[in-house]
């Protein structure tokens, strides 16, 4: 029964830390744009731009 005197304050401290971290995240705009990161994996950023493809392609008149 004496262990409950230790576990209750530890649980209260952990809840306080969790609430503090949540409010810090809200204050620092961590939840502003939830859709951007979820859909960013679907798009390739590694593809070269269209202007670079035109400049890099050799002329077909030399073939």
Protein backbone atom coordinates (compact mmCIF):
# COMPACT_ATOMS: atom_id res chain seq x y z
CA UNK A 1 0.00 0.00 0.00
CA UNK A 2 2.91 2.36 0.56
CA UNK A 3 3.91 2.12 -3.11
CA UNK A 4 0.78 4.06 -4.03
CA UNK A 5 2.27 7.10 -2.27
CA UNK A 6 5.14 6.97 -4.77
CA UNK A 7 3.17 6.08 -7.90
CA UNK A 8 0.54 8.81 -7.61
CA UNK A 9 3.05 11.72 -7.56
CA UNK A 10 5.03 10.12 -10.40
CA UNK A 11 1.84 9.77 -12.45
CA UNK A 12 0.90 13.39 -11.73
CA UNK A 13 4.35 14.59 -12.82
CA UNK A 14 4.12 12.60 -16.06
CA UNK A 15 0.67 14.02 -16.81
CA UNK A 16 1.93 17.55 -16.14
CA UNK A 17 4.88 17.00 -18.51
CA UNK A 18 2.58 15.61 -21.22
CA UNK A 19 0.20 18.58 -20.92
CA UNK A 20 3.11 21.03 -20.98
CA UNK A 21 4.56 19.42 -24.13
CA UNK A 22 1.15 19.50 -25.80
CA UNK A 23 0.65 23.21 -25.07
CA UNK A 24 4.22 23.94 -26.25
CA UNK A 25 3.49 22.16 -29.54
CA UNK A 26 0.28 24.12 -30.04
CA UNK A 27 1.97 27.41 -29.21
CA UNK A 28 4.86 26.77 -31.61
CA UNK A 29 2.46 25.95 -34.51
CA UNK A 30 3.37 22.28 -34.78
CA UNK A 31 -0.20 21.45 -35.81
CA UNK A 32 -0.61 24.15 -38.49
CA UNK A 33 -0.32 22.07 -41.67
CA UNK A 34 -1.07 18.40 -41.10
CA UNK A 35 -1.73 17.57 -44.77
CA UNK A 36 1.53 18.82 -46.34
CA UNK A 37 3.85 16.21 -44.84
CA UNK A 38 1.40 13.39 -45.42
CA UNK A 39 1.11 14.11 -49.13
CA UNK A 40 4.69 15.24 -49.75
CA UNK A 41 5.83 11.61 -49.98
CA UNK A 42 3.63 11.15 -53.03
CA UNK A 43 5.42 13.77 -55.14
CA UNK A 44 8.93 13.51 -56.59
CA UNK A 45 11.16 16.47 -55.85
CA UNK A 46 14.12 14.78 -57.53
CA UNK A 47 12.85 15.22 -61.07
CA UNK A 48 14.76 17.83 -63.10
CA UNK A 49 12.95 20.92 -64.25
CA UNK A 50 11.56 21.05 -67.78
CA UNK A 51 13.98 23.81 -68.82
CA UNK A 52 16.95 21.64 -67.87
CA UNK A 53 15.64 18.73 -69.97
CA UNK A 54 15.44 20.91 -73.09
CA UNK A 55 18.99 22.17 -72.62
CA UNK A 56 20.41 18.73 -71.82
CA UNK A 57 18.85 16.94 -74.80
CA UNK A 58 21.17 16.65 -77.83
CA UNK A 59 20.11 17.98 -81.20
CA UNK A 60 18.53 15.38 -83.44
CA UNK A 61 20.05 16.99 -86.54
CA UNK A 62 23.46 15.43 -85.78
CA UNK A 63 22.12 11.87 -85.96
